Protein backbone atom coordinates (compact mmCIF):
# COMPACT_ATOMS: atom_id res chain seq x y z
CA UNK A 1 -49.96 63.81 27.73
CA UNK A 2 -52.94 62.99 25.54
CA UNK A 3 -52.33 63.11 21.78
CA UNK A 4 -54.84 63.96 19.09
CA UNK A 5 -55.89 61.11 16.82
CA UNK A 6 -56.66 63.44 13.87
CA UNK A 7 -55.17 66.65 12.51
CA UNK A 8 -58.23 68.82 13.18
CA UNK A 9 -59.18 67.54 16.60
CA UNK A 10 -58.06 68.03 20.12
CA UNK A 11 -58.95 65.30 22.58
CA UNK A 12 -61.12 66.22 25.50
CA UNK A 13 -59.20 66.43 28.71
CA UNK A 14 -62.15 66.77 31.08
CA UNK A 15 -65.11 64.78 29.80
CA UNK A 16 -67.04 65.14 33.06
CA UNK A 17 -68.05 68.74 32.22
CA UNK A 18 -69.33 67.88 28.73
CA UNK A 19 -73.03 67.00 28.67
CA UNK A 20 -74.05 63.73 27.04
CA UNK A 21 -76.25 63.82 23.94
CA UNK A 22 -76.01 64.48 20.23
CA UNK A 23 -72.94 66.29 18.98
CA UNK A 24 -73.10 69.63 17.21
CA UNK A 25 -71.74 68.01 14.06
CA UNK A 26 -74.45 65.35 14.19
CA UNK A 27 -77.16 67.96 14.66
CA UNK A 28 -75.91 70.01 11.69
CA UNK A 29 -75.74 66.90 9.50
CA UNK A 30 -79.32 66.07 10.43
CA UNK A 31 -80.52 69.58 9.65
CA UNK A 32 -78.79 69.55 6.26
CA UNK A 33 -81.04 66.79 4.96
CA UNK A 34 -84.30 68.42 6.06
CA UNK A 35 -86.34 70.26 3.40
CA UNK A 36 -86.37 74.05 3.57
CA UNK A 37 -89.77 75.07 4.85
CA UNK A 38 -91.29 78.52 4.53
CA UNK A 39 -89.07 79.85 1.72
CA UNK A 40 -91.02 80.08 -1.55
CA UNK A 41 -89.16 78.54 -4.49
CA UNK A 42 -86.41 77.16 -2.24
CA UNK A 43 -86.43 73.76 -3.90
CA UNK A 44 -86.64 74.89 -7.53
CA UNK A 45 -84.59 77.12 -9.79
CA UNK A 46 -87.53 77.35 -12.16
CA UNK A 47 -89.71 79.00 -9.52
CA UNK A 48 -89.78 82.56 -8.27
CA UNK A 49 -86.10 83.24 -9.01
CA UNK A 50 -85.94 81.89 -12.56
CA UNK A 51 -85.76 85.41 -14.02
CA UNK A 52 -83.15 86.46 -11.46
CA UNK A 53 -81.02 83.41 -12.24
CA UNK A 54 -81.31 84.11 -16.00
CA UNK A 55 -80.21 87.71 -15.43
CA UNK A 56 -77.26 86.46 -13.39
CA UNK A 57 -76.19 84.23 -16.27
CA UNK A 58 -76.36 87.25 -18.61
CA UNK A 59 -74.36 89.35 -16.15
CA UNK A 60 -71.38 86.99 -15.73
CA UNK A 61 -69.88 87.39 -19.24
CA UNK A 62 -70.54 91.14 -19.09
CA UNK A 63 -68.57 91.42 -15.85
CA UNK A 64 -65.72 89.46 -17.46
CA UNK A 65 -65.83 91.81 -20.46
CA UNK A 66 -65.87 94.82 -18.14
CA UNK A 67 -62.72 93.73 -16.32
CA UNK A 68 -61.06 92.87 -19.62
CA UNK A 69 -61.82 96.37 -20.92
CA UNK A 70 -60.88 97.98 -17.61
CA UNK A 71 -57.29 96.73 -17.63
CA UNK A 72 -56.04 98.78 -20.63
CA UNK A 73 -58.01 101.79 -19.38
CA UNK A 74 -56.44 101.52 -15.91
CA UNK A 75 -52.92 101.16 -17.35
CA UNK A 76 -53.42 104.16 -19.64
CA UNK A 77 -54.88 106.18 -16.76
CA UNK A 78 -51.88 105.45 -14.53
CA UNK A 79 -49.44 106.44 -17.29
CA UNK A 80 -51.47 109.59 -18.06
CA UNK A 81 -51.62 110.62 -14.40
CA UNK A 82 -47.94 109.87 -13.81
CA UNK A 83 -46.78 111.96 -16.77
CA UNK A 84 -49.15 114.86 -16.05
CA UNK A 85 -47.94 114.99 -12.43
CA UNK A 86 -44.30 114.79 -13.53
CA UNK A 87 -44.76 117.79 -15.82
CA UNK A 88 -47.04 119.99 -13.71
CA UNK A 89 -47.01 118.60 -10.17
CA UNK A 90 -49.87 117.23 -8.14
CA UNK A 91 -53.19 118.98 -8.88
CA UNK A 92 -53.68 119.60 -5.15
CA UNK A 93 -50.41 121.56 -5.02
CA UNK A 94 -51.05 123.81 -8.04
CA UNK A 95 -53.46 126.31 -6.39
CA UNK A 96 -54.75 127.43 -9.78
CA UNK A 97 -57.12 126.26 -12.49
CA UNK A 98 -55.83 124.18 -15.37
CA UNK A 99 -54.11 126.47 -17.81
CA UNK A 100 -54.31 126.08 -21.60
CA UNK A 101 -50.82 124.57 -21.40
CA UNK A 102 -52.00 121.85 -18.97
CA UNK A 103 -55.15 121.16 -21.02
CA UNK A 104 -53.11 120.81 -24.23
CA UNK A 105 -50.60 118.52 -22.52
CA UNK A 106 -53.42 116.42 -21.06
CA UNK A 107 -54.95 115.94 -24.53
CA UNK A 108 -51.58 114.99 -26.02
CA UNK A 109 -50.77 112.54 -23.22
CA UNK A 110 -54.25 111.01 -23.41
CA UNK A 111 -53.93 110.49 -27.17
CA UNK A 112 -50.44 109.00 -26.85
CA UNK A 113 -51.49 106.42 -24.27
CA UNK A 114 -54.84 105.65 -25.92
CA UNK A 115 -56.81 106.74 -22.87
CA UNK A 116 -59.85 108.00 -24.78
CA UNK A 117 -60.14 104.80 -26.83
CA UNK A 118 -59.79 102.64 -23.72
CA UNK A 119 -62.37 104.78 -21.89
CA UNK A 120 -64.80 104.46 -24.82
CA UNK A 121 -64.45 100.67 -24.80
CA UNK A 122 -64.97 100.52 -21.04
CA UNK A 123 -68.03 102.78 -21.30
CA UNK A 124 -69.54 100.62 -24.04
CA UNK A 125 -69.30 97.51 -21.85
CA UNK A 126 -70.67 99.45 -18.87
CA UNK A 127 -73.69 100.58 -20.89
CA UNK A 128 -74.48 96.92 -21.61
CA UNK A 129 -73.83 95.79 -18.06
CA UNK A 130 -75.66 98.54 -16.17
CA UNK A 131 -79.29 97.69 -17.09
CA UNK A 132 -78.76 94.02 -16.22
CA UNK A 133 -77.20 94.96 -12.87
CA UNK A 134 -80.03 97.41 -12.11
CA UNK A 135 -82.63 94.76 -12.96
CA UNK A 136 -80.90 92.24 -10.66
CA UNK A 137 -80.71 94.80 -7.88
CA UNK A 138 -84.43 95.57 -8.18
CA UNK A 139 -85.56 91.93 -7.96
CA UNK A 140 -86.25 90.20 -4.67
CA UNK A 141 -84.43 86.94 -4.07
CA UNK A 142 -86.68 84.09 -2.98
CA UNK A 143 -84.30 81.12 -2.89
CA UNK A 144 -80.76 80.02 -2.19
CA UNK A 145 -80.27 79.45 -5.92
CA UNK A 146 -81.17 83.08 -6.58
CA UNK A 147 -78.28 84.23 -4.39
CA UNK A 148 -75.62 82.60 -6.54
């Protein structure tokens, strides 16, 4: 039995059916060193995508801040939902509108778990993040650098 000489290779067992010529790996390596032709700004980050790249750099810390603010909101929301369901059942099973009792309990639970404060903080970050994300979404990408 033929054994492989490397971890990620399997030796050919029937070399007569394999055509001679350059290997796929060799072809890909050759293509990797060729310049990109026909894509404006492909070789430069200061070209057509400079504004897009700058917006991306502004967006990254905002996304981090969003997820940082989202964690306490999500925890408070889970606790709020769990307690409200424990007291009054699942909203889908109630078959009636929220009563004054449910509304009052919801306000008390929300205040106790800090849901409103967490939601306000999350909204504030979202209001900063949204225009940058919309601007990025509206811009065409003209280079590989603009995709990152």
